[in-house]
């Protein structure tokens, strides 16, 4: 896990056998995938047909280590279970469409197989929930220019070791695409009115 994101997790990275839900930010999802695939892990994304591969690559995801199943057909639970058996990290889009009993069985399968299950949205029993808040874009001048980076706050909460909420501030995307940490500028001294 990137050092920038590891600060909000209760473990020193994504722990094998865990379920880590990502809420509301594809950029945050890409940041989670980027470090895993860069370190040689294989990942699969199920049920996110609109996922942008160019954006994923720009965010640092190693596309050659990413399998896509945009539409898992009539047995999405079977597809996800099979992927958990052979892939290090499995992202599940549209988890709200799965019955809670199936979601819990898939989390148990990830635990037993040593995979990381990453639902993109609410998931019953997720050990950690990552959520972006307080986004602020920069780069555009007075009506012209390009968006360059977005400063966000990532909140993590969950159960067990993740029951103590944590936050960190990141640039997501940072300059050039991948996630980076927020660097505080030098303090500005202002004259004090007497």
N, C-alpha and C. Protein backbone atom coordinates (compact mmCIF):
# COMPACT_ATOMS: atom_id res chain seq x y z
N UNK A 1 0.85 -1.18 0.00
CA UNK A 1 0.00 0.00 0.00
C UNK A 1 0.89 1.24 0.00
N UNK A 2 0.50 2.24 -0.77
CA UNK A 2 1.26 3.49 -0.80
C UNK A 2 1.33 4.06 0.60
N UNK A 3 2.46 4.63 0.91
CA UNK A 3 2.65 5.21 2.24
C UNK A 3 1.57 6.24 2.54
N UNK A 4 1.17 6.96 1.50
CA UNK A 4 0.17 8.00 1.69
C UNK A 4 -1.15 7.41 2.19
N UNK A 5 -1.55 6.26 1.67
CA UNK A 5 -2.81 5.63 2.08
C UNK A 5 -2.64 4.73 3.30
N UNK A 6 -1.45 4.19 3.50
CA UNK A 6 -1.22 3.27 4.63
C UNK A 6 -1.51 3.95 5.96
N UNK A 7 -1.43 5.27 6.01
CA UNK A 7 -1.66 6.01 7.26
C UNK A 7 -3.08 5.83 7.78
N UNK A 8 -4.05 5.52 6.92
CA UNK A 8 -5.42 5.39 7.38
C UNK A 8 -5.83 3.94 7.63
N UNK A 9 -4.99 3.01 7.26
CA UNK A 9 -5.32 1.60 7.46
C UNK A 9 -4.81 1.12 8.82
N UNK A 10 -5.50 0.16 9.43
CA UNK A 10 -5.03 -0.35 10.72
C UNK A 10 -3.83 -1.29 10.59
N UNK A 11 -3.50 -1.68 9.37
CA UNK A 11 -2.36 -2.57 9.11
C UNK A 11 -1.37 -1.81 8.23
N UNK A 12 -0.17 -2.33 8.05
CA UNK A 12 0.81 -1.62 7.23
C UNK A 12 0.54 -1.68 5.73
N UNK A 13 -0.61 -2.07 5.32
CA UNK A 13 -1.00 -2.15 3.92
C UNK A 13 -2.29 -2.92 3.81
N UNK A 14 -2.63 -3.32 2.61
CA UNK A 14 -3.81 -4.16 2.44
C UNK A 14 -3.47 -5.54 2.99
N UNK A 15 -4.26 -6.00 3.92
CA UNK A 15 -3.98 -7.29 4.55
C UNK A 15 -4.70 -8.39 3.77
N UNK A 16 -3.97 -9.44 3.45
CA UNK A 16 -4.58 -10.58 2.77
C UNK A 16 -5.72 -11.13 3.62
N UNK A 17 -6.82 -11.45 2.96
CA UNK A 17 -7.99 -11.98 3.65
C UNK A 17 -8.94 -10.92 4.16
N UNK A 18 -8.66 -9.66 3.88
CA UNK A 18 -9.51 -8.57 4.41
C UNK A 18 -10.52 -8.12 3.36
N UNK A 19 -11.53 -7.39 3.85
CA UNK A 19 -12.52 -6.74 2.99
C UNK A 19 -12.43 -5.25 3.27
N UNK A 20 -12.04 -4.48 2.26
CA UNK A 20 -11.85 -3.04 2.39
C UNK A 20 -12.78 -2.34 1.39
N UNK A 21 -13.83 -1.72 1.88
CA UNK A 21 -14.81 -1.05 1.01
C UNK A 21 -14.34 0.37 0.69
N UNK A 22 -14.44 0.73 -0.58
CA UNK A 22 -14.10 2.09 -1.04
C UNK A 22 -15.41 2.75 -1.44
N UNK A 23 -15.64 3.97 -0.94
CA UNK A 23 -16.91 4.66 -1.16
C UNK A 23 -16.74 5.91 -2.01
N UNK A 24 -17.46 5.97 -3.12
CA UNK A 24 -17.70 7.21 -3.83
C UNK A 24 -16.58 7.85 -4.60
N UNK A 25 -15.41 7.24 -4.73
CA UNK A 25 -14.32 7.89 -5.46
C UNK A 25 -13.56 6.85 -6.28
N UNK A 26 -13.68 6.95 -7.59
CA UNK A 26 -12.92 6.06 -8.46
C UNK A 26 -11.43 6.35 -8.33
N UNK A 27 -11.06 7.60 -8.11
CA UNK A 27 -9.64 7.94 -7.93
C UNK A 27 -9.06 7.23 -6.71
N UNK A 28 -9.82 7.16 -5.63
CA UNK A 28 -9.36 6.44 -4.44
C UNK A 28 -9.25 4.95 -4.75
N UNK A 29 -10.20 4.41 -5.50
CA UNK A 29 -10.12 3.01 -5.91
C UNK A 29 -8.86 2.76 -6.73
N UNK A 30 -8.56 3.66 -7.67
CA UNK A 30 -7.35 3.53 -8.48
C UNK A 30 -6.09 3.58 -7.60
N UNK A 31 -6.09 4.44 -6.60
CA UNK A 31 -4.93 4.53 -5.71
C UNK A 31 -4.71 3.22 -4.97
N UNK A 32 -5.79 2.57 -4.55
CA UNK A 32 -5.68 1.27 -3.88
C UNK A 32 -5.13 0.23 -4.85
N UNK A 33 -5.63 0.22 -6.08
CA UNK A 33 -5.18 -0.74 -7.09
C UNK A 33 -3.75 -0.48 -7.54
N UNK A 34 -3.35 0.78 -7.60
CA UNK A 34 -2.04 1.15 -8.14
C UNK A 34 -0.89 0.50 -7.38
N UNK A 35 -0.91 0.62 -6.09
CA UNK A 35 0.21 0.07 -5.32
C UNK A 35 0.25 -1.44 -5.40
N UNK A 36 -0.91 -2.09 -5.32
CA UNK A 36 -0.95 -3.55 -5.38
C UNK A 36 -0.41 -4.06 -6.72
N UNK A 37 -0.86 -3.48 -7.82
CA UNK A 37 -0.42 -3.96 -9.13
C UNK A 37 1.04 -3.58 -9.40
N UNK A 38 1.49 -2.44 -8.89
CA UNK A 38 2.89 -2.05 -9.08
C UNK A 38 3.83 -3.00 -8.36
N UNK A 39 3.37 -3.60 -7.28
CA UNK A 39 4.21 -4.55 -6.52
C UNK A 39 4.08 -5.99 -7.01
N UNK A 40 3.38 -6.18 -8.14
CA UNK A 40 3.31 -7.50 -8.74
C UNK A 40 2.06 -8.29 -8.45
N UNK A 41 1.11 -7.73 -7.73
CA UNK A 41 -0.14 -8.44 -7.47
C UNK A 41 -1.06 -8.35 -8.68
N UNK A 42 -1.91 -9.35 -8.83
CA UNK A 42 -2.92 -9.36 -9.86
C UNK A 42 -4.22 -8.86 -9.27
N UNK A 43 -4.97 -8.13 -10.06
CA UNK A 43 -6.25 -7.58 -9.59
C UNK A 43 -7.31 -7.82 -10.66
N UNK A 44 -8.55 -7.90 -10.21
CA UNK A 44 -9.69 -8.03 -11.11
C UNK A 44 -10.76 -7.05 -10.68
N UNK A 45 -11.48 -6.51 -11.65
CA UNK A 45 -12.58 -5.59 -11.38
C UNK A 45 -13.83 -6.20 -12.00
N UNK A 46 -14.84 -6.42 -11.17
CA UNK A 46 -16.08 -7.05 -11.61
C UNK A 46 -17.23 -6.05 -11.48
N UNK A 47 -18.02 -5.90 -12.54
CA UNK A 47 -19.24 -5.12 -12.45
C UNK A 47 -19.09 -3.62 -12.52
N UNK A 48 -18.01 -3.13 -13.10
CA UNK A 48 -17.84 -1.69 -13.33
C UNK A 48 -17.58 -1.45 -14.82
N UNK A 49 -18.62 -1.52 -15.64
CA UNK A 49 -18.42 -1.44 -17.09
C UNK A 49 -17.87 -0.11 -17.58
N UNK A 50 -18.04 0.96 -16.86
CA UNK A 50 -17.57 2.26 -17.31
C UNK A 50 -16.18 2.63 -16.81
N UNK A 51 -15.46 1.68 -16.25
CA UNK A 51 -14.13 1.97 -15.70
C UNK A 51 -13.18 2.42 -16.81
N UNK A 52 -12.53 3.55 -16.61
CA UNK A 52 -11.63 4.10 -17.61
C UNK A 52 -10.21 3.57 -17.46
N UNK A 53 -9.76 2.77 -18.43
CA UNK A 53 -8.42 2.19 -18.35
C UNK A 53 -7.32 3.24 -18.51
N UNK A 54 -7.56 4.25 -19.33
CA UNK A 54 -6.56 5.30 -19.49
C UNK A 54 -6.39 6.04 -18.16
N UNK A 55 -7.50 6.37 -17.52
CA UNK A 55 -7.44 7.04 -16.21
C UNK A 55 -6.76 6.15 -15.18
N UNK A 56 -7.05 4.85 -15.22
CA UNK A 56 -6.41 3.91 -14.27
C UNK A 56 -4.90 3.90 -14.49
N UNK A 57 -4.48 3.83 -15.74
CA UNK A 57 -3.04 3.82 -16.04
C UNK A 57 -2.38 5.12 -15.59
N UNK A 58 -3.05 6.26 -15.83
CA UNK A 58 -2.51 7.55 -15.41
C UNK A 58 -2.40 7.64 -13.89
N UNK A 59 -3.26 6.92 -13.18
CA UNK A 59 -3.23 6.92 -11.72
C UNK A 59 -2.21 5.92 -11.18
N UNK A 60 -1.53 5.20 -12.07
CA UNK A 60 -0.47 4.29 -11.63
C UNK A 60 -0.85 2.82 -11.59
N UNK A 61 -2.06 2.46 -12.04
CA UNK A 61 -2.46 1.05 -12.07
C UNK A 61 -1.72 0.35 -13.20
N UNK A 62 -1.10 -0.77 -12.90
CA UNK A 62 -0.41 -1.58 -13.90
C UNK A 62 -1.47 -2.37 -14.67
N UNK A 63 -1.87 -1.86 -15.82
CA UNK A 63 -2.98 -2.41 -16.59
C UNK A 63 -2.72 -3.86 -17.01
N UNK A 64 -1.47 -4.23 -17.23
CA UNK A 64 -1.14 -5.60 -17.64
C UNK A 64 -1.45 -6.60 -16.52
N UNK A 65 -1.67 -6.13 -15.31
CA UNK A 65 -1.98 -7.01 -14.17
C UNK A 65 -3.43 -6.85 -13.71
N UNK A 66 -4.27 -6.32 -14.60
CA UNK A 66 -5.66 -6.04 -14.25
C UNK A 66 -6.60 -6.78 -15.19
N UNK A 67 -7.46 -7.62 -14.63
CA UNK A 67 -8.48 -8.31 -15.41
C UNK A 67 -9.81 -7.59 -15.22
N UNK A 68 -10.56 -7.44 -16.31
CA UNK A 68 -11.85 -6.77 -16.24
C UNK A 68 -12.97 -7.74 -16.58
N UNK A 69 -13.99 -7.74 -15.75
CA UNK A 69 -15.23 -8.49 -16.02
C UNK A 69 -16.35 -7.46 -15.87
N UNK A 70 -16.59 -6.66 -16.93
CA UNK A 70 -17.54 -5.55 -16.81
C UNK A 70 -18.97 -6.00 -16.51
N UNK A 71 -19.37 -7.11 -17.09
CA UNK A 71 -20.74 -7.63 -16.87
C UNK A 71 -20.63 -9.11 -16.53
N UNK A 72 -20.74 -9.45 -15.25
CA UNK A 72 -20.51 -10.84 -14.83
C UNK A 72 -21.64 -11.80 -15.17
N UNK A 73 -22.69 -11.35 -15.82
CA UNK A 73 -23.75 -12.26 -16.25
C UNK A 73 -24.70 -12.63 -15.13
N UNK A 74 -25.33 -13.79 -15.28
CA UNK A 74 -26.38 -14.22 -14.37
C UNK A 74 -25.89 -14.75 -13.03
N UNK A 75 -24.59 -15.00 -12.89
CA UNK A 75 -24.06 -15.54 -11.63
C UNK A 75 -22.88 -14.69 -11.15
N UNK A 76 -23.13 -13.44 -10.76
CA UNK A 76 -22.00 -12.60 -10.32
C UNK A 76 -21.29 -13.16 -9.09
N UNK A 77 -22.02 -13.80 -8.19
CA UNK A 77 -21.41 -14.37 -6.98
C UNK A 77 -20.41 -15.47 -7.37
N UNK A 78 -20.79 -16.31 -8.33
CA UNK A 78 -19.90 -17.37 -8.79
C UNK A 78 -18.65 -16.80 -9.45
N UNK A 79 -18.82 -15.75 -10.23
CA UNK A 79 -17.67 -15.11 -10.90
C UNK A 79 -16.73 -14.52 -9.85
N UNK A 80 -17.27 -13.79 -8.89
CA UNK A 80 -16.45 -13.16 -7.85
C UNK A 80 -15.74 -14.24 -7.03
N UNK A 81 -16.45 -15.31 -6.67
CA UNK A 81 -15.85 -16.40 -5.90
C UNK A 81 -14.69 -17.03 -6.66
N UNK A 82 -14.86 -17.27 -7.95
CA UNK A 82 -13.79 -17.87 -8.76
C UNK A 82 -12.57 -16.95 -8.81
N UNK A 83 -12.82 -15.65 -8.94
CA UNK A 83 -11.70 -14.70 -8.97
C UNK A 83 -10.98 -14.65 -7.62
N UNK A 84 -11.72 -14.73 -6.52
CA UNK A 84 -11.10 -14.73 -5.20
C UNK A 84 -10.19 -15.93 -5.01
N UNK A 85 -10.47 -17.01 -5.73
CA UNK A 85 -9.63 -18.21 -5.65
C UNK A 85 -8.28 -18.03 -6.34
N UNK A 86 -8.20 -17.12 -7.33
CA UNK A 86 -6.97 -17.05 -8.10
C UNK A 86 -6.35 -15.69 -8.27
N UNK A 87 -6.97 -14.63 -7.76
CA UNK A 87 -6.46 -13.28 -7.95
C UNK A 87 -6.21 -12.65 -6.58
N UNK A 88 -5.17 -11.83 -6.47
CA UNK A 88 -4.79 -11.24 -5.18
C UNK A 88 -5.82 -10.24 -4.66
N UNK A 89 -6.40 -9.44 -5.56
CA UNK A 89 -7.29 -8.36 -5.15
C UNK A 89 -8.48 -8.32 -6.11
N UNK A 90 -9.70 -8.36 -5.57
CA UNK A 90 -10.90 -8.37 -6.41
C UNK A 90 -11.79 -7.19 -6.02
N UNK A 91 -12.03 -6.31 -6.99
CA UNK A 91 -12.92 -5.17 -6.81
C UNK A 91 -14.31 -5.57 -7.28
N UNK A 92 -15.33 -5.24 -6.50
CA UNK A 92 -16.71 -5.58 -6.85
C UNK A 92 -17.51 -4.28 -6.99
N UNK A 93 -17.97 -4.00 -8.21
CA UNK A 93 -18.82 -2.85 -8.45
C UNK A 93 -20.26 -3.21 -8.21
N UNK A 94 -21.05 -2.24 -7.80
CA UNK A 94 -22.48 -2.47 -7.57
C UNK A 94 -22.76 -3.49 -6.49
N UNK A 95 -22.05 -3.44 -5.36
CA UNK A 95 -22.27 -4.46 -4.32
C UNK A 95 -23.66 -4.42 -3.72
N UNK A 96 -24.36 -3.29 -3.87
CA UNK A 96 -25.71 -3.17 -3.31
C UNK A 96 -26.69 -4.14 -3.97
N UNK A 97 -26.30 -4.67 -5.12
CA UNK A 97 -27.18 -5.61 -5.82
C UNK A 97 -27.08 -7.03 -5.29
N UNK A 98 -26.10 -7.30 -4.45
CA UNK A 98 -25.92 -8.65 -3.90
C UNK A 98 -26.66 -8.79 -2.58
N UNK A 99 -27.30 -9.92 -2.34
CA UNK A 99 -27.90 -10.15 -1.03
C UNK A 99 -26.83 -10.16 0.06
N UNK A 100 -27.21 -9.70 1.25
CA UNK A 100 -26.25 -9.62 2.36
C UNK A 100 -25.60 -10.97 2.65
N UNK A 101 -26.37 -12.05 2.56
CA UNK A 101 -25.81 -13.38 2.83
C UNK A 101 -24.70 -13.73 1.83
N UNK A 102 -24.88 -13.37 0.55
CA UNK A 102 -23.83 -13.61 -0.45
C UNK A 102 -22.61 -12.74 -0.18
N UNK A 103 -22.84 -11.50 0.21
CA UNK A 103 -21.72 -10.60 0.51
C UNK A 103 -20.87 -11.16 1.66
N UNK A 104 -21.52 -11.66 2.69
CA UNK A 104 -20.79 -12.23 3.83
C UNK A 104 -20.03 -13.50 3.42
N UNK A 105 -20.64 -14.32 2.57
CA UNK A 105 -19.95 -15.53 2.09
C UNK A 105 -18.72 -15.17 1.26
N UNK A 106 -18.83 -14.12 0.45
CA UNK A 106 -17.68 -13.69 -0.35
C UNK A 106 -16.56 -13.14 0.54
N UNK A 107 -16.91 -12.41 1.60
CA UNK A 107 -15.88 -11.93 2.54
C UNK A 107 -15.19 -13.12 3.21
N UNK A 108 -15.97 -14.14 3.58
CA UNK A 108 -15.39 -15.34 4.20
C UNK A 108 -14.47 -16.06 3.21
N UNK A 109 -14.86 -16.10 1.95
CA UNK A 109 -14.02 -16.76 0.94
C UNK A 109 -12.70 -16.00 0.76
N UNK A 110 -12.78 -14.67 0.75
CA UNK A 110 -11.55 -13.87 0.65
C UNK A 110 -10.63 -14.17 1.83
N UNK A 111 -11.21 -14.26 3.03
CA UNK A 111 -10.42 -14.59 4.23
C UNK A 111 -9.74 -15.95 4.07
N UNK A 112 -10.51 -16.94 3.62
CA UNK A 112 -9.98 -18.30 3.50
C UNK A 112 -8.94 -18.44 2.40
N UNK A 113 -9.10 -17.69 1.33
CA UNK A 113 -8.19 -17.80 0.17
C UNK A 113 -7.01 -16.83 0.24
N UNK A 114 -7.07 -15.88 1.17
CA UNK A 114 -5.97 -14.92 1.28
C UNK A 114 -6.00 -13.84 0.23
N UNK A 115 -7.18 -13.57 -0.33
CA UNK A 115 -7.34 -12.48 -1.30
C UNK A 115 -7.84 -11.25 -0.56
N UNK A 116 -7.78 -10.11 -1.22
CA UNK A 116 -8.35 -8.88 -0.68
C UNK A 116 -9.59 -8.56 -1.49
N UNK A 117 -10.71 -8.43 -0.81
CA UNK A 117 -11.98 -8.08 -1.45
C UNK A 117 -12.19 -6.59 -1.28
N UNK A 118 -12.41 -5.89 -2.40
CA UNK A 118 -12.57 -4.43 -2.38
C UNK A 118 -13.90 -4.06 -3.02
N UNK A 119 -14.98 -4.05 -2.23
CA UNK A 119 -16.27 -3.60 -2.77
C UNK A 119 -16.23 -2.09 -3.01
N UNK A 120 -16.81 -1.67 -4.14
CA UNK A 120 -16.91 -0.25 -4.44
C UNK A 120 -18.29 0.22 -4.02
N UNK A 121 -18.45 0.48 -2.73
CA UNK A 121 -19.73 0.88 -2.15
C UNK A 121 -19.95 0.14 -0.84
N UNK A 122 -21.17 0.24 -0.33
CA UNK A 122 -21.50 -0.39 0.96
C UNK A 122 -21.34 -1.90 0.90
N UNK A 123 -20.84 -2.47 2.00
CA UNK A 123 -20.64 -3.92 2.07
C UNK A 123 -20.80 -4.34 3.52
N UNK A 124 -21.75 -5.20 3.82
CA UNK A 124 -21.93 -5.63 5.21
C UNK A 124 -20.70 -6.39 5.72
N UNK A 125 -20.23 -6.01 6.87
CA UNK A 125 -19.10 -6.71 7.47
C UNK A 125 -17.74 -6.30 6.96
N UNK A 126 -17.64 -5.23 6.18
CA UNK A 126 -16.31 -4.78 5.73
C UNK A 126 -15.48 -4.39 6.95
N UNK A 127 -14.23 -4.81 6.95
CA UNK A 127 -13.37 -4.48 8.08
C UNK A 127 -12.99 -3.01 8.08
N UNK A 128 -12.80 -2.46 6.88
CA UNK A 128 -12.43 -1.05 6.74
C UNK A 128 -13.30 -0.43 5.66
N UNK A 129 -13.74 0.82 5.89
CA UNK A 129 -14.45 1.60 4.89
C UNK A 129 -13.65 2.87 4.64
N UNK A 130 -13.23 3.07 3.39
CA UNK A 130 -12.49 4.27 3.00
C UNK A 130 -13.44 5.20 2.24
N UNK A 131 -13.42 6.46 2.61
CA UNK A 131 -14.33 7.44 2.01
C UNK A 131 -13.58 8.76 1.80
N UNK A 132 -13.79 9.39 0.64
CA UNK A 132 -13.22 10.71 0.36
C UNK A 132 -14.17 11.80 0.84
N UNK A 133 -13.62 12.81 1.45
CA UNK A 133 -14.41 13.97 1.86
C UNK A 133 -13.61 15.23 1.55
N UNK A 134 -14.26 16.34 1.57
CA UNK A 134 -13.64 17.66 1.47
C UNK A 134 -12.69 17.79 0.28
N UNK A 135 -13.19 17.48 -0.92
CA UNK A 135 -12.37 17.63 -2.12
C UNK A 135 -12.26 19.08 -2.57
N UNK A 136 -11.07 19.46 -3.02
CA UNK A 136 -10.84 20.83 -3.50
C UNK A 136 -9.84 20.76 -4.66
N UNK A 137 -10.27 21.20 -5.84
CA UNK A 137 -9.42 21.19 -7.02
C UNK A 137 -8.56 22.45 -7.07
N UNK A 138 -7.39 22.34 -7.71
CA UNK A 138 -6.56 23.53 -7.93
C UNK A 138 -5.95 23.45 -9.32
N UNK A 139 -5.49 24.58 -9.79
CA UNK A 139 -4.85 24.65 -11.09
C UNK A 139 -5.48 25.65 -12.03
N UNK A 140 -6.77 25.88 -11.90
CA UNK A 140 -7.44 26.83 -12.79
C UNK A 140 -7.19 28.24 -12.27
N UNK A 141 -6.77 29.10 -13.17
CA UNK A 141 -6.54 30.49 -12.79
C UNK A 141 -7.83 31.28 -12.86
N UNK A 142 -7.74 32.53 -13.23
CA UNK A 142 -8.92 33.40 -13.35
C UNK A 142 -9.69 33.05 -14.62
N UNK A 143 -10.43 31.96 -14.59
CA UNK A 143 -11.25 31.58 -15.73
C UNK A 143 -10.52 30.84 -16.83
N UNK A 144 -9.28 30.46 -16.62
CA UNK A 144 -8.53 29.72 -17.63
C UNK A 144 -7.55 28.76 -16.94
N UNK A 145 -7.02 27.84 -17.71
CA UNK A 145 -6.04 26.90 -17.17
C UNK A 145 -6.62 25.49 -17.11
N UNK A 146 -5.88 24.58 -16.47
CA UNK A 146 -6.27 23.18 -16.37
C UNK A 146 -6.32 22.76 -14.92
N UNK A 147 -7.27 21.87 -14.62
CA UNK A 147 -7.28 21.28 -13.28
C UNK A 147 -6.03 20.42 -13.16
N UNK A 148 -5.26 20.61 -12.10
CA UNK A 148 -3.99 19.89 -11.96
C UNK A 148 -4.01 18.85 -10.87
N UNK A 149 -4.64 19.18 -9.76
CA UNK A 149 -4.64 18.25 -8.64
C UNK A 149 -5.86 18.51 -7.77
N UNK A 150 -6.19 17.50 -6.98
CA UNK A 150 -7.35 17.60 -6.10
C UNK A 150 -6.92 17.18 -4.70
N UNK A 151 -7.07 18.07 -3.76
CA UNK A 151 -6.76 17.75 -2.37
C UNK A 151 -8.01 17.18 -1.72
N UNK A 152 -7.88 16.02 -1.13
CA UNK A 152 -9.02 15.37 -0.47
C UNK A 152 -8.61 14.92 0.93
N UNK A 153 -9.61 14.64 1.72
CA UNK A 153 -9.38 13.99 3.01
C UNK A 153 -9.96 12.59 2.90
N UNK A 154 -9.16 11.59 3.24
CA UNK A 154 -9.64 10.21 3.25
C UNK A 154 -9.95 9.85 4.68
N UNK A 155 -11.17 9.38 4.90
CA UNK A 155 -11.58 8.91 6.23
C UNK A 155 -11.66 7.40 6.19
N UNK A 156 -11.14 6.77 7.22
CA UNK A 156 -11.22 5.32 7.35
C UNK A 156 -11.90 5.00 8.67
N UNK A 157 -12.82 4.07 8.62
CA UNK A 157 -13.50 3.59 9.81
C UNK A 157 -13.78 2.12 9.58
N UNK A 158 -14.21 1.43 10.60
CA UNK A 158 -14.51 0.02 10.43
C UNK A 158 -14.73 -0.67 11.75
N UNK A 159 -14.29 -1.90 11.79
CA UNK A 159 -14.47 -2.70 13.00
C UNK A 159 -13.14 -3.33 13.36
N UNK A 160 -13.08 -3.90 14.55
CA UNK A 160 -11.83 -4.52 15.00
C UNK A 160 -10.72 -3.49 15.09
N UNK A 161 -9.60 -3.79 14.47
CA UNK A 161 -8.45 -2.89 14.51
C UNK A 161 -8.73 -1.55 13.84
N UNK A 162 -9.76 -1.49 13.01
CA UNK A 162 -10.11 -0.25 12.30
C UNK A 162 -11.21 0.53 12.99
N UNK A 163 -11.56 0.15 14.22
CA UNK A 163 -12.68 0.82 14.88
C UNK A 163 -12.35 2.26 15.28
N UNK A 164 -11.07 2.57 15.41
CA UNK A 164 -10.68 3.95 15.70
C UNK A 164 -10.57 4.70 14.37
N UNK A 165 -11.46 5.68 14.13
CA UNK A 165 -11.44 6.41 12.85
C UNK A 165 -10.09 7.11 12.63
N UNK A 166 -9.67 7.13 11.37
CA UNK A 166 -8.42 7.78 10.98
C UNK A 166 -8.67 8.63 9.75
N UNK A 167 -7.88 9.65 9.58
CA UNK A 167 -7.97 10.48 8.38
C UNK A 167 -6.57 10.82 7.89
N UNK A 168 -6.47 11.12 6.61
CA UNK A 168 -5.23 11.67 6.05
C UNK A 168 -5.61 12.56 4.88
N UNK A 169 -4.75 13.50 4.56
CA UNK A 169 -4.98 14.39 3.42
C UNK A 169 -4.05 13.98 2.29
N UNK A 170 -4.64 13.88 1.09
CA UNK A 170 -3.88 13.44 -0.08
C UNK A 170 -4.20 14.32 -1.28
N UNK A 171 -3.31 14.28 -2.24
CA UNK A 171 -3.60 14.84 -3.55
C UNK A 171 -3.99 13.66 -4.43
N UNK A 172 -5.24 13.68 -4.89
CA UNK A 172 -5.78 12.52 -5.60
C UNK A 172 -6.66 13.00 -6.75
N UNK A 173 -6.18 13.21 -7.94
CA UNK A 173 -4.83 12.92 -8.38
C UNK A 173 -3.87 14.04 -8.00
N UNK A 174 -2.61 13.67 -7.88
CA UNK A 174 -1.57 14.66 -7.66
C UNK A 174 -1.06 15.13 -9.02
N UNK A 175 -0.08 15.98 -9.01
CA UNK A 175 0.50 16.42 -10.29
C UNK A 175 1.05 15.21 -11.02
N UNK A 176 0.66 15.05 -12.25
CA UNK A 176 1.14 13.92 -13.04
C UNK A 176 0.27 12.69 -12.92
N UNK A 177 -0.72 12.66 -12.05
CA UNK A 177 -1.65 11.54 -12.00
C UNK A 177 -1.71 10.76 -10.71
N UNK A 178 -0.61 10.10 -10.31
CA UNK A 178 -0.71 9.25 -9.11
C UNK A 178 -0.98 10.03 -7.84
N UNK A 179 -1.43 9.30 -6.83
CA UNK A 179 -1.68 9.89 -5.52
C UNK A 179 -0.37 10.40 -4.93
N UNK A 180 -0.46 11.48 -4.19
CA UNK A 180 0.72 11.97 -3.46
C UNK A 180 0.24 12.65 -2.19
N UNK A 181 1.16 12.85 -1.30
CA UNK A 181 0.77 13.46 -0.04
C UNK A 181 0.71 14.98 -0.17
N UNK A 182 -0.08 15.59 0.69
CA UNK A 182 -0.20 17.04 0.71
C UNK A 182 1.04 17.60 1.39
N UNK A 183 1.67 18.52 0.71
CA UNK A 183 2.85 19.17 1.31
C UNK A 183 2.46 20.55 1.77
N UNK A 184 2.70 20.78 2.99
CA UNK A 184 2.37 22.10 3.55
C UNK A 184 3.39 23.10 3.05
N UNK A 185 2.91 24.24 2.61
CA UNK A 185 3.81 25.31 2.15
C UNK A 185 4.45 26.01 3.34
N UNK A 186 5.45 26.84 3.07
CA UNK A 186 6.08 27.56 4.16
C UNK A 186 5.10 28.52 4.82
N UNK A 187 5.26 28.73 6.08
CA UNK A 187 4.38 29.65 6.81
C UNK A 187 4.56 31.05 6.27
N UNK A 188 3.47 31.76 6.12
CA UNK A 188 3.51 33.13 5.62
C UNK A 188 3.36 34.05 6.83
N UNK A 189 4.34 34.94 7.01
CA UNK A 189 4.28 35.88 8.11
C UNK A 189 3.50 37.11 7.66
N UNK A 190 2.56 37.53 8.44
CA UNK A 190 1.75 38.69 8.13
C UNK A 190 1.97 39.72 9.23
N UNK A 191 2.00 40.98 8.84
CA UNK A 191 2.20 42.01 9.87
C UNK A 191 1.00 42.05 10.81
N UNK A 192 1.27 42.32 12.05
CA UNK A 192 0.21 42.41 13.07
C UNK A 192 -0.17 43.87 13.20
N UNK A 193 -1.47 44.14 13.12
CA UNK A 193 -1.94 45.51 13.26
C UNK A 193 -1.82 45.92 14.72
N UNK A 194 -1.32 47.08 14.95
CA UNK A 194 -1.10 47.52 16.31
C UNK A 194 -2.12 48.37 16.78
